[in-house]
Amino acid sequence: MRSPKDFVARYMPDPETIRHHKHLRFFGELLHHHALWHLNRHSVAKAFAVGLFFAWVPVPFQMILAAAGAIMLRANLPVSVALVWLTNPVTMPPLFYGAYRLGSWTMGIQTQTFGSDLSMASLAGDFMLIWQPFLLGCGMLAVVSSVAGYLGIQSLWRWMVISRWRKRHLARVAAAGEQSQRP
């Protein structure tokens, strides 16, 4: 079983790529803080909280918001930035529609049907009807997924470390048992 650190490191982008990203360069020297690049249970759990929170914020350039959040909380920057891609052009329509439905249900209002006309006037009119439940649903999902991501990573990381400790302990006990049975 690989360590949690090895698992995350395998998928993490190169720090230099992040430091020189065209949308993140304006953070300047802040990107050089060592805590932003640590791979430990706390920094990765905070990164999941930040990244999953900003994935639900329906604005362009979520990566910049996630980077700012990671810098403020000293979370792992690459993981924070990568997680906002949970909402990408393919997943955004169903996820945001689900957020709208959740917000509508929470507010106790009936969901709207959308016209098939994709003109700017039609889209603006539809948005004026749905913005409150949509933003409420996004906010609720941002908080819930952020907390769940933080607690889930903390628990999963701890479980993986304890499993590795137990495995090593059992191997040592077995090796000691073999040595004690030798004449």
N, C-alpha and C. Protein backbone atom coordinates (compact mmCIF):
# COMPACT_ATOMS: atom_id res chain seq x y z
N MET A 1 0.85 -1.18 0.00
CA MET A 1 0.00 0.00 0.00
C MET A 1 0.89 1.24 0.00
N ARG A 2 0.63 2.13 -0.92
CA ARG A 2 1.40 3.37 -1.01
C ARG A 2 1.01 4.30 0.13
N SER A 3 1.94 5.17 0.48
CA SER A 3 1.62 6.15 1.50
C SER A 3 0.71 7.22 0.90
N PRO A 4 -0.09 7.89 1.74
CA PRO A 4 -0.94 8.96 1.22
C PRO A 4 -0.13 10.04 0.52
N LYS A 5 1.04 10.32 1.05
CA LYS A 5 1.89 11.35 0.46
C LYS A 5 2.31 10.96 -0.95
N ASP A 6 2.68 9.69 -1.15
CA ASP A 6 3.06 9.21 -2.48
C ASP A 6 1.89 9.28 -3.45
N PHE A 7 0.70 8.94 -2.96
CA PHE A 7 -0.50 8.96 -3.80
C PHE A 7 -0.79 10.37 -4.30
N VAL A 8 -0.75 11.35 -3.40
CA VAL A 8 -1.03 12.74 -3.79
C VAL A 8 0.08 13.27 -4.68
N ALA A 9 1.33 12.97 -4.35
CA ALA A 9 2.47 13.47 -5.11
C ALA A 9 2.44 12.98 -6.56
N ARG A 10 1.92 11.80 -6.78
CA ARG A 10 1.86 11.25 -8.13
C ARG A 10 0.99 12.11 -9.05
N TYR A 11 -0.07 12.72 -8.52
CA TYR A 11 -0.99 13.50 -9.34
C TYR A 11 -0.77 15.00 -9.25
N MET A 12 0.13 15.43 -8.41
CA MET A 12 0.34 16.86 -8.19
C MET A 12 1.18 17.47 -9.31
N PRO A 13 0.75 18.64 -9.81
CA PRO A 13 1.56 19.28 -10.84
C PRO A 13 2.86 19.83 -10.28
N ASP A 14 3.79 20.09 -11.16
CA ASP A 14 5.09 20.63 -10.79
C ASP A 14 4.93 22.02 -10.19
N PRO A 15 5.59 22.32 -9.05
CA PRO A 15 5.48 23.66 -8.44
C PRO A 15 5.87 24.79 -9.38
N GLU A 16 6.86 24.56 -10.22
CA GLU A 16 7.27 25.62 -11.15
C GLU A 16 6.18 25.94 -12.16
N THR A 17 5.44 24.92 -12.56
CA THR A 17 4.32 25.14 -13.48
C THR A 17 3.28 26.04 -12.83
N ILE A 18 2.98 25.79 -11.57
CA ILE A 18 2.00 26.61 -10.85
C ILE A 18 2.54 28.02 -10.64
N ARG A 19 3.79 28.13 -10.23
CA ARG A 19 4.37 29.46 -9.97
C ARG A 19 4.37 30.35 -11.21
N HIS A 20 4.52 29.75 -12.37
CA HIS A 20 4.62 30.53 -13.61
C HIS A 20 3.32 30.52 -14.42
N HIS A 21 2.23 30.01 -13.84
CA HIS A 21 0.95 30.00 -14.54
C HIS A 21 0.51 31.44 -14.80
N LYS A 22 0.04 31.70 -16.00
CA LYS A 22 -0.26 33.08 -16.40
C LYS A 22 -1.30 33.76 -15.50
N HIS A 23 -2.24 33.00 -14.94
CA HIS A 23 -3.26 33.61 -14.09
C HIS A 23 -2.86 33.68 -12.62
N LEU A 24 -1.78 33.02 -12.24
CA LEU A 24 -1.38 32.99 -10.83
C LEU A 24 -0.10 33.78 -10.56
N ARG A 25 0.58 34.22 -11.60
CA ARG A 25 1.85 34.94 -11.44
C ARG A 25 1.73 36.19 -10.59
N PHE A 26 0.56 36.83 -10.61
CA PHE A 26 0.45 38.09 -9.86
C PHE A 26 0.56 37.89 -8.35
N PHE A 27 0.47 36.65 -7.85
CA PHE A 27 0.68 36.40 -6.43
C PHE A 27 2.14 36.56 -6.04
N GLY A 28 3.03 36.55 -7.03
CA GLY A 28 4.44 36.84 -6.83
C GLY A 28 5.11 35.96 -5.79
N GLU A 29 5.78 36.62 -4.84
CA GLU A 29 6.56 35.91 -3.82
C GLU A 29 5.70 35.07 -2.88
N LEU A 30 4.42 35.37 -2.79
CA LEU A 30 3.54 34.58 -1.93
C LEU A 30 3.54 33.10 -2.36
N LEU A 31 3.76 32.86 -3.64
CA LEU A 31 3.76 31.49 -4.15
C LEU A 31 5.00 30.70 -3.73
N HIS A 32 5.97 31.37 -3.13
CA HIS A 32 7.21 30.69 -2.74
C HIS A 32 7.20 30.22 -1.28
N HIS A 33 6.12 30.48 -0.57
CA HIS A 33 6.04 30.04 0.83
C HIS A 33 6.04 28.52 0.88
N HIS A 34 6.90 27.96 1.70
CA HIS A 34 7.10 26.50 1.75
C HIS A 34 5.84 25.74 2.13
N ALA A 35 4.98 26.33 2.95
CA ALA A 35 3.79 25.63 3.41
C ALA A 35 2.83 25.31 2.25
N LEU A 36 2.91 26.07 1.18
CA LEU A 36 2.01 25.85 0.04
C LEU A 36 2.36 24.60 -0.75
N TRP A 37 3.52 24.05 -0.49
CA TRP A 37 3.98 22.91 -1.28
C TRP A 37 4.14 21.65 -0.43
N HIS A 38 3.85 21.72 0.88
CA HIS A 38 3.96 20.55 1.75
C HIS A 38 2.88 19.53 1.42
N LEU A 39 3.27 18.29 1.55
CA LEU A 39 2.31 17.20 1.39
C LEU A 39 2.21 16.48 2.72
N ASN A 40 1.30 16.92 3.55
CA ASN A 40 1.01 16.23 4.78
C ASN A 40 -0.49 16.25 5.00
N ARG A 41 -0.93 15.54 6.00
CA ARG A 41 -2.37 15.37 6.22
C ARG A 41 -3.08 16.70 6.36
N HIS A 42 -2.49 17.63 7.08
CA HIS A 42 -3.16 18.90 7.34
C HIS A 42 -3.20 19.80 6.11
N SER A 43 -2.09 19.89 5.38
CA SER A 43 -2.07 20.78 4.22
C SER A 43 -2.96 20.25 3.10
N VAL A 44 -3.00 18.95 2.92
CA VAL A 44 -3.84 18.38 1.87
C VAL A 44 -5.31 18.45 2.27
N ALA A 45 -5.63 18.23 3.55
CA ALA A 45 -7.02 18.35 3.99
C ALA A 45 -7.52 19.79 3.82
N LYS A 46 -6.69 20.76 4.18
CA LYS A 46 -7.07 22.16 3.96
C LYS A 46 -7.22 22.45 2.47
N ALA A 47 -6.36 21.87 1.66
CA ALA A 47 -6.45 22.07 0.21
C ALA A 47 -7.76 21.52 -0.34
N PHE A 48 -8.19 20.37 0.15
CA PHE A 48 -9.48 19.81 -0.28
C PHE A 48 -10.62 20.74 0.13
N ALA A 49 -10.54 21.28 1.34
CA ALA A 49 -11.58 22.20 1.79
C ALA A 49 -11.63 23.43 0.88
N VAL A 50 -10.48 24.01 0.59
CA VAL A 50 -10.42 25.21 -0.26
C VAL A 50 -10.88 24.90 -1.68
N GLY A 51 -10.30 23.87 -2.28
CA GLY A 51 -10.62 23.54 -3.66
C GLY A 51 -12.07 23.16 -3.87
N LEU A 52 -12.62 22.34 -2.98
CA LEU A 52 -14.01 21.94 -3.12
C LEU A 52 -14.96 23.11 -2.86
N PHE A 53 -14.59 23.99 -1.96
CA PHE A 53 -15.42 25.18 -1.73
C PHE A 53 -15.50 26.03 -3.00
N PHE A 54 -14.35 26.36 -3.55
CA PHE A 54 -14.34 27.26 -4.72
C PHE A 54 -14.80 26.58 -6.00
N ALA A 55 -14.86 25.26 -6.03
CA ALA A 55 -15.42 24.57 -7.19
C ALA A 55 -16.90 24.92 -7.35
N TRP A 56 -17.57 25.23 -6.25
CA TRP A 56 -19.00 25.54 -6.29
C TRP A 56 -19.28 27.03 -6.43
N VAL A 57 -18.27 27.84 -6.49
CA VAL A 57 -18.47 29.28 -6.67
C VAL A 57 -18.61 29.53 -8.17
N PRO A 58 -19.79 29.96 -8.62
CA PRO A 58 -20.06 30.06 -10.06
C PRO A 58 -19.51 31.33 -10.69
N VAL A 59 -18.21 31.46 -10.72
CA VAL A 59 -17.57 32.61 -11.35
C VAL A 59 -16.42 32.11 -12.22
N PRO A 60 -16.03 32.90 -13.21
CA PRO A 60 -14.83 32.51 -13.96
C PRO A 60 -13.59 32.65 -13.08
N PHE A 61 -12.55 32.00 -13.45
CA PHE A 61 -11.26 32.08 -12.77
C PHE A 61 -11.33 31.59 -11.33
N GLN A 62 -11.99 30.46 -11.13
CA GLN A 62 -12.06 29.85 -9.81
C GLN A 62 -10.67 29.49 -9.29
N MET A 63 -9.75 29.20 -10.22
CA MET A 63 -8.38 28.83 -9.81
C MET A 63 -7.72 29.96 -9.05
N ILE A 64 -7.97 31.19 -9.42
CA ILE A 64 -7.38 32.33 -8.73
C ILE A 64 -7.93 32.42 -7.31
N LEU A 65 -9.24 32.22 -7.18
CA LEU A 65 -9.84 32.25 -5.84
C LEU A 65 -9.30 31.11 -4.97
N ALA A 66 -9.16 29.93 -5.56
CA ALA A 66 -8.62 28.79 -4.82
C ALA A 66 -7.17 29.04 -4.42
N ALA A 67 -6.40 29.64 -5.31
CA ALA A 67 -5.01 29.96 -4.97
C ALA A 67 -4.95 30.97 -3.83
N ALA A 68 -5.79 31.98 -3.88
CA ALA A 68 -5.83 32.97 -2.79
C ALA A 68 -6.23 32.32 -1.47
N GLY A 69 -7.23 31.43 -1.53
CA GLY A 69 -7.63 30.70 -0.32
C GLY A 69 -6.53 29.81 0.22
N ALA A 70 -5.82 29.14 -0.67
CA ALA A 70 -4.70 28.28 -0.24
C ALA A 70 -3.59 29.11 0.39
N ILE A 71 -3.31 30.27 -0.19
CA ILE A 71 -2.27 31.13 0.37
C ILE A 71 -2.68 31.62 1.75
N MET A 72 -3.93 32.03 1.90
CA MET A 72 -4.41 32.53 3.20
C MET A 72 -4.39 31.45 4.27
N LEU A 73 -4.77 30.23 3.91
CA LEU A 73 -4.86 29.14 4.89
C LEU A 73 -3.61 28.28 4.95
N ARG A 74 -2.62 28.59 4.11
CA ARG A 74 -1.37 27.81 4.03
C ARG A 74 -1.69 26.34 3.72
N ALA A 75 -2.60 26.16 2.75
CA ALA A 75 -2.97 24.83 2.27
C ALA A 75 -2.09 24.48 1.08
N ASN A 76 -2.09 23.24 0.69
CA ASN A 76 -1.31 22.82 -0.47
C ASN A 76 -1.91 23.47 -1.71
N LEU A 77 -1.13 24.31 -2.35
CA LEU A 77 -1.61 25.12 -3.47
C LEU A 77 -1.99 24.29 -4.70
N PRO A 78 -1.14 23.37 -5.17
CA PRO A 78 -1.53 22.62 -6.37
C PRO A 78 -2.81 21.81 -6.19
N VAL A 79 -2.98 21.21 -5.03
CA VAL A 79 -4.19 20.42 -4.79
C VAL A 79 -5.41 21.34 -4.76
N SER A 80 -5.30 22.48 -4.10
CA SER A 80 -6.41 23.43 -4.05
C SER A 80 -6.83 23.88 -5.44
N VAL A 81 -5.86 24.23 -6.25
CA VAL A 81 -6.14 24.73 -7.60
C VAL A 81 -6.70 23.61 -8.48
N ALA A 82 -6.15 22.41 -8.36
CA ALA A 82 -6.62 21.30 -9.20
C ALA A 82 -8.06 20.91 -8.89
N LEU A 83 -8.46 21.02 -7.63
CA LEU A 83 -9.81 20.56 -7.26
C LEU A 83 -10.92 21.45 -7.80
N VAL A 84 -10.63 22.68 -8.15
CA VAL A 84 -11.72 23.51 -8.71
C VAL A 84 -12.16 22.97 -10.06
N TRP A 85 -11.33 22.13 -10.68
CA TRP A 85 -11.71 21.56 -11.97
C TRP A 85 -12.76 20.46 -11.83
N LEU A 86 -13.25 20.23 -10.60
CA LEU A 86 -14.42 19.38 -10.41
C LEU A 86 -15.56 19.96 -11.25
N THR A 87 -15.66 21.28 -11.26
CA THR A 87 -16.63 21.93 -12.12
C THR A 87 -15.90 22.43 -13.35
N ASN A 88 -16.05 21.70 -14.41
CA ASN A 88 -15.42 22.04 -15.69
C ASN A 88 -16.53 22.16 -16.73
N PRO A 89 -16.24 22.53 -17.94
CA PRO A 89 -17.31 22.71 -18.92
C PRO A 89 -18.20 21.48 -19.13
N VAL A 90 -17.70 20.29 -18.88
CA VAL A 90 -18.51 19.09 -19.05
C VAL A 90 -19.40 18.85 -17.83
N THR A 91 -18.85 19.02 -16.62
CA THR A 91 -19.61 18.70 -15.40
C THR A 91 -20.44 19.86 -14.89
N MET A 92 -20.13 21.07 -15.33
CA MET A 92 -20.80 22.25 -14.79
C MET A 92 -22.33 22.23 -14.97
N PRO A 93 -22.86 21.94 -16.16
CA PRO A 93 -24.32 21.98 -16.30
C PRO A 93 -25.06 21.06 -15.32
N PRO A 94 -24.71 19.77 -15.21
CA PRO A 94 -25.48 18.95 -14.26
C PRO A 94 -25.23 19.33 -12.80
N LEU A 95 -23.99 19.69 -12.46
CA LEU A 95 -23.71 20.05 -11.06
C LEU A 95 -24.44 21.34 -10.66
N PHE A 96 -24.38 22.33 -11.52
CA PHE A 96 -25.03 23.59 -11.20
C PHE A 96 -26.55 23.47 -11.27
N TYR A 97 -27.06 22.62 -12.13
CA TYR A 97 -28.50 22.38 -12.14
C TYR A 97 -28.92 21.70 -10.83
N GLY A 98 -28.09 20.77 -10.36
CA GLY A 98 -28.36 20.14 -9.06
C GLY A 98 -28.33 21.16 -7.93
N ALA A 99 -27.39 22.10 -8.01
CA ALA A 99 -27.33 23.17 -6.99
C ALA A 99 -28.60 24.02 -7.04
N TYR A 100 -29.05 24.32 -8.24
CA TYR A 100 -30.30 25.09 -8.39
C TYR A 100 -31.48 24.33 -7.80
N ARG A 101 -31.55 23.03 -8.09
CA ARG A 101 -32.66 22.22 -7.56
C ARG A 101 -32.62 22.17 -6.03
N LEU A 102 -31.42 22.02 -5.46
CA LEU A 102 -31.26 22.02 -4.01
C LEU A 102 -31.71 23.35 -3.41
N GLY A 103 -31.28 24.45 -4.02
CA GLY A 103 -31.68 25.76 -3.54
C GLY A 103 -33.18 25.98 -3.63
N SER A 104 -33.78 25.53 -4.73
CA SER A 104 -35.24 25.65 -4.89
C SER A 104 -35.97 24.84 -3.83
N TRP A 105 -35.50 23.62 -3.60
CA TRP A 105 -36.12 22.76 -2.60
C TRP A 105 -35.99 23.39 -1.21
N THR A 106 -34.81 23.93 -0.91
CA THR A 106 -34.58 24.55 0.40
C THR A 106 -35.47 25.77 0.60
N MET A 107 -35.64 26.56 -0.46
CA MET A 107 -36.48 27.75 -0.37
C MET A 107 -37.96 27.44 -0.47
N GLY A 108 -38.29 26.20 -0.83
CA GLY A 108 -39.68 25.80 -0.96
C GLY A 108 -40.36 26.40 -2.18
N ILE A 109 -39.59 26.60 -3.25
CA ILE A 109 -40.18 27.14 -4.47
C ILE A 109 -40.07 26.10 -5.58
N GLN A 110 -40.97 26.22 -6.54
CA GLN A 110 -40.98 25.28 -7.65
C GLN A 110 -39.85 25.61 -8.62
N THR A 111 -39.22 24.58 -9.16
CA THR A 111 -38.15 24.81 -10.13
C THR A 111 -38.74 25.32 -11.43
N GLN A 112 -37.98 26.14 -12.11
CA GLN A 112 -38.40 26.73 -13.38
C GLN A 112 -37.99 25.83 -14.54
N THR A 113 -38.75 25.91 -15.61
CA THR A 113 -38.33 25.25 -16.85
C THR A 113 -37.65 26.31 -17.70
N PHE A 114 -36.65 25.90 -18.40
CA PHE A 114 -35.87 26.84 -19.20
C PHE A 114 -36.25 26.74 -20.65
N GLY A 115 -36.22 27.89 -21.31
CA GLY A 115 -36.51 27.92 -22.74
C GLY A 115 -35.37 27.31 -23.53
N SER A 116 -35.67 26.90 -24.73
CA SER A 116 -34.63 26.32 -25.57
C SER A 116 -33.88 27.39 -26.34
N ASP A 117 -34.33 28.64 -26.23
CA ASP A 117 -33.68 29.76 -26.90
C ASP A 117 -32.40 30.11 -26.14
N LEU A 118 -31.27 30.07 -26.81
CA LEU A 118 -30.00 30.35 -26.16
C LEU A 118 -29.51 31.78 -26.41
N SER A 119 -30.44 32.68 -26.66
CA SER A 119 -30.04 34.08 -26.86
C SER A 119 -29.66 34.69 -25.51
N MET A 120 -28.88 35.76 -25.56
CA MET A 120 -28.45 36.42 -24.32
C MET A 120 -29.66 36.95 -23.55
N ALA A 121 -30.66 37.47 -24.25
CA ALA A 121 -31.85 37.99 -23.57
C ALA A 121 -32.59 36.88 -22.84
N SER A 122 -32.70 35.71 -23.49
CA SER A 122 -33.38 34.58 -22.87
C SER A 122 -32.60 34.07 -21.66
N LEU A 123 -31.30 33.95 -21.82
CA LEU A 123 -30.47 33.47 -20.70
C LEU A 123 -30.50 34.45 -19.53
N ALA A 124 -30.46 35.75 -19.82
CA ALA A 124 -30.52 36.76 -18.75
C ALA A 124 -31.87 36.70 -18.04
N GLY A 125 -32.93 36.51 -18.81
CA GLY A 125 -34.26 36.40 -18.21
C GLY A 125 -34.38 35.16 -17.33
N ASP A 126 -33.85 34.04 -17.82
CA ASP A 126 -33.87 32.80 -17.01
C ASP A 126 -33.06 32.99 -15.74
N PHE A 127 -31.90 33.63 -15.84
CA PHE A 127 -31.07 33.81 -14.66
C PHE A 127 -31.77 34.68 -13.61
N MET A 128 -32.52 35.68 -14.05
CA MET A 128 -33.23 36.54 -13.10
C MET A 128 -34.27 35.75 -12.32
N LEU A 129 -34.78 34.67 -12.90
CA LEU A 129 -35.77 33.83 -12.21
C LEU A 129 -35.12 32.85 -11.23
N ILE A 130 -33.88 32.47 -11.50
CA ILE A 130 -33.29 31.37 -10.72
C ILE A 130 -32.11 31.77 -9.85
N TRP A 131 -31.66 32.99 -9.88
CA TRP A 131 -30.40 33.33 -9.24
C TRP A 131 -30.40 33.07 -7.74
N GLN A 132 -31.50 33.34 -7.05
CA GLN A 132 -31.51 33.14 -5.60
C GLN A 132 -31.38 31.66 -5.22
N PRO A 133 -32.23 30.77 -5.74
CA PRO A 133 -32.05 29.35 -5.37
C PRO A 133 -30.75 28.77 -5.90
N PHE A 134 -30.30 29.25 -7.06
CA PHE A 134 -29.04 28.77 -7.62
C PHE A 134 -27.87 29.11 -6.69
N LEU A 135 -27.78 30.37 -6.27
CA LEU A 135 -26.67 30.76 -5.40
C LEU A 135 -26.78 30.12 -4.02
N LEU A 136 -28.01 29.97 -3.52
CA LEU A 136 -28.19 29.29 -2.23
C LEU A 136 -27.71 27.84 -2.33
N GLY A 137 -28.10 27.14 -3.39
CA GLY A 137 -27.66 25.76 -3.58
C GLY A 137 -26.16 25.66 -3.72
N CYS A 138 -25.56 26.57 -4.50
CA CYS A 138 -24.10 26.57 -4.65
C CYS A 138 -23.42 26.80 -3.31
N GLY A 139 -23.94 27.74 -2.53
CA GLY A 139 -23.36 28.03 -1.22
C GLY A 139 -23.46 26.84 -0.27
N MET A 140 -24.61 26.21 -0.27
CA MET A 140 -24.80 25.04 0.59
C MET A 140 -23.84 23.91 0.19
N LEU A 141 -23.76 23.63 -1.10
CA LEU A 141 -22.88 22.57 -1.57
C LEU A 141 -21.41 22.92 -1.35
N ALA A 142 -21.07 24.19 -1.46
CA ALA A 142 -19.69 24.62 -1.21
C ALA A 142 -19.29 24.32 0.24
N VAL A 143 -20.16 24.69 1.17
CA VAL A 143 -19.85 24.48 2.59
C VAL A 143 -19.82 22.98 2.92
N VAL A 144 -20.83 22.26 2.48
CA VAL A 144 -20.91 20.83 2.80
C VAL A 144 -19.74 20.06 2.18
N SER A 145 -19.45 20.31 0.90
CA SER A 145 -18.36 19.57 0.27
C SER A 145 -17.01 19.97 0.85
N SER A 146 -16.86 21.22 1.25
CA SER A 146 -15.62 21.69 1.86
C SER A 146 -15.38 20.97 3.19
N VAL A 147 -16.38 20.95 4.03
CA VAL A 147 -16.26 20.28 5.34
C VAL A 147 -16.06 18.78 5.15
N ALA A 148 -16.85 18.18 4.25
CA ALA A 148 -16.73 16.75 4.00
C ALA A 148 -15.35 16.41 3.43
N GLY A 149 -14.84 17.24 2.54
CA GLY A 149 -13.51 17.01 1.97
C GLY A 149 -12.44 17.09 3.04
N TYR A 150 -12.52 18.10 3.89
CA TYR A 150 -11.53 18.26 4.96
C TYR A 150 -11.55 17.06 5.90
N LEU A 151 -12.74 16.74 6.41
CA LEU A 151 -12.85 15.63 7.36
C LEU A 151 -12.54 14.29 6.70
N GLY A 152 -12.97 14.12 5.45
CA GLY A 152 -12.70 12.88 4.74
C GLY A 152 -11.21 12.65 4.52
N ILE A 153 -10.49 13.67 4.10
CA ILE A 153 -9.05 13.52 3.88
C ILE A 153 -8.32 13.30 5.20
N GLN A 154 -8.72 14.04 6.24
CA GLN A 154 -8.09 13.82 7.55
C GLN A 154 -8.27 12.36 7.99
N SER A 155 -9.49 11.86 7.84
CA SER A 155 -9.78 10.48 8.27
C SER A 155 -9.10 9.46 7.39
N LEU A 156 -9.17 9.63 6.07
CA LEU A 156 -8.57 8.68 5.15
C LEU A 156 -7.05 8.64 5.31
N TRP A 157 -6.44 9.79 5.45
CA TRP A 157 -4.98 9.85 5.62
C TRP A 157 -4.58 9.13 6.90
N ARG A 158 -5.30 9.42 7.98
CA ARG A 158 -4.99 8.79 9.27
C ARG A 158 -5.16 7.28 9.19
N TRP A 159 -6.24 6.84 8.55
CA TRP A 159 -6.49 5.41 8.41
C TRP A 159 -5.37 4.74 7.62
N MET A 160 -4.92 5.39 6.54
CA MET A 160 -3.85 4.81 5.72
C MET A 160 -2.54 4.73 6.51
N VAL A 161 -2.24 5.73 7.29
CA VAL A 161 -1.01 5.72 8.10
C VAL A 161 -1.09 4.62 9.16
N ILE A 162 -2.21 4.52 9.83
CA ILE A 162 -2.38 3.48 10.87
C ILE A 162 -2.29 2.09 10.24
N SER A 163 -2.88 1.92 9.05
CA SER A 163 -2.81 0.62 8.36
C SER A 163 -1.36 0.25 8.05
N ARG A 164 -0.59 1.22 7.60
CA ARG A 164 0.83 0.96 7.30
C ARG A 164 1.60 0.63 8.58
N TRP A 165 1.30 1.34 9.68
CA TRP A 165 1.95 1.05 10.95
C TRP A 165 1.64 -0.38 11.38
N ARG A 166 0.37 -0.77 11.31
CA ARG A 166 -0.03 -2.12 11.72
C ARG A 166 0.65 -3.18 10.86
N LYS A 167 0.71 -2.94 9.57
CA LYS A 167 1.35 -3.88 8.67
C LYS A 167 2.83 -4.07 9.02
N ARG A 168 3.52 -2.95 9.29
CA ARG A 168 4.93 -3.04 9.69
C ARG A 168 5.07 -3.74 11.03
N HIS A 169 4.17 -3.46 11.96
CA HIS A 169 4.22 -4.09 13.28
C HIS A 169 4.03 -5.60 13.15
N LEU A 170 3.06 -6.01 12.35
CA LEU A 170 2.81 -7.45 12.17
C LEU A 170 4.01 -8.12 11.50
N ALA A 171 4.65 -7.42 10.56
CA ALA A 171 5.84 -7.98 9.91
C ALA A 171 6.97 -8.15 10.93
N ARG A 172 7.13 -7.17 11.83
CA ARG A 172 8.17 -7.27 12.86
C ARG A 172 7.87 -8.39 13.83
N VAL A 173 6.61 -8.55 14.22
CA VAL A 173 6.22 -9.62 15.14
C VAL A 173 6.46 -10.98 14.49
N ALA A 174 6.11 -11.09 13.22
CA ALA A 174 6.32 -12.35 12.51
C ALA A 174 7.81 -12.66 12.40
N ALA A 175 8.63 -11.65 12.09
CA ALA A 175 10.07 -11.86 11.98
C ALA A 175 10.66 -12.23 13.34
N ALA A 176 10.19 -11.62 14.41
CA ALA A 176 10.69 -11.94 15.75
C ALA A 176 10.26 -13.35 16.15
N GLY A 177 9.07 -13.75 15.74
CA GLY A 177 8.58 -15.11 16.04
C GLY A 177 9.40 -16.16 15.33
N GLU A 178 9.81 -15.90 14.11
CA GLU A 178 10.65 -16.84 13.36
C GLU A 178 12.01 -16.98 14.02
N GLN A 179 12.57 -15.87 14.49
CA GLN A 179 13.89 -15.91 15.11
C GLN A 179 13.86 -16.64 16.44
N SER A 180 12.77 -16.51 17.18
CA SER A 180 12.70 -17.14 18.50
C SER A 180 12.47 -18.65 18.37
N GLN A 181 11.96 -19.12 17.26
CA GLN A 181 11.70 -20.56 17.06
C GLN A 181 12.91 -21.28 16.48
N ARG A 182 13.93 -20.54 16.06
CA ARG A 182 15.13 -21.18 15.53
C ARG A 182 15.97 -21.75 16.67
N PRO A 183 16.53 -22.93 16.47
CA PRO A 183 17.37 -23.57 17.52
C PRO A 183 18.70 -22.91 17.72
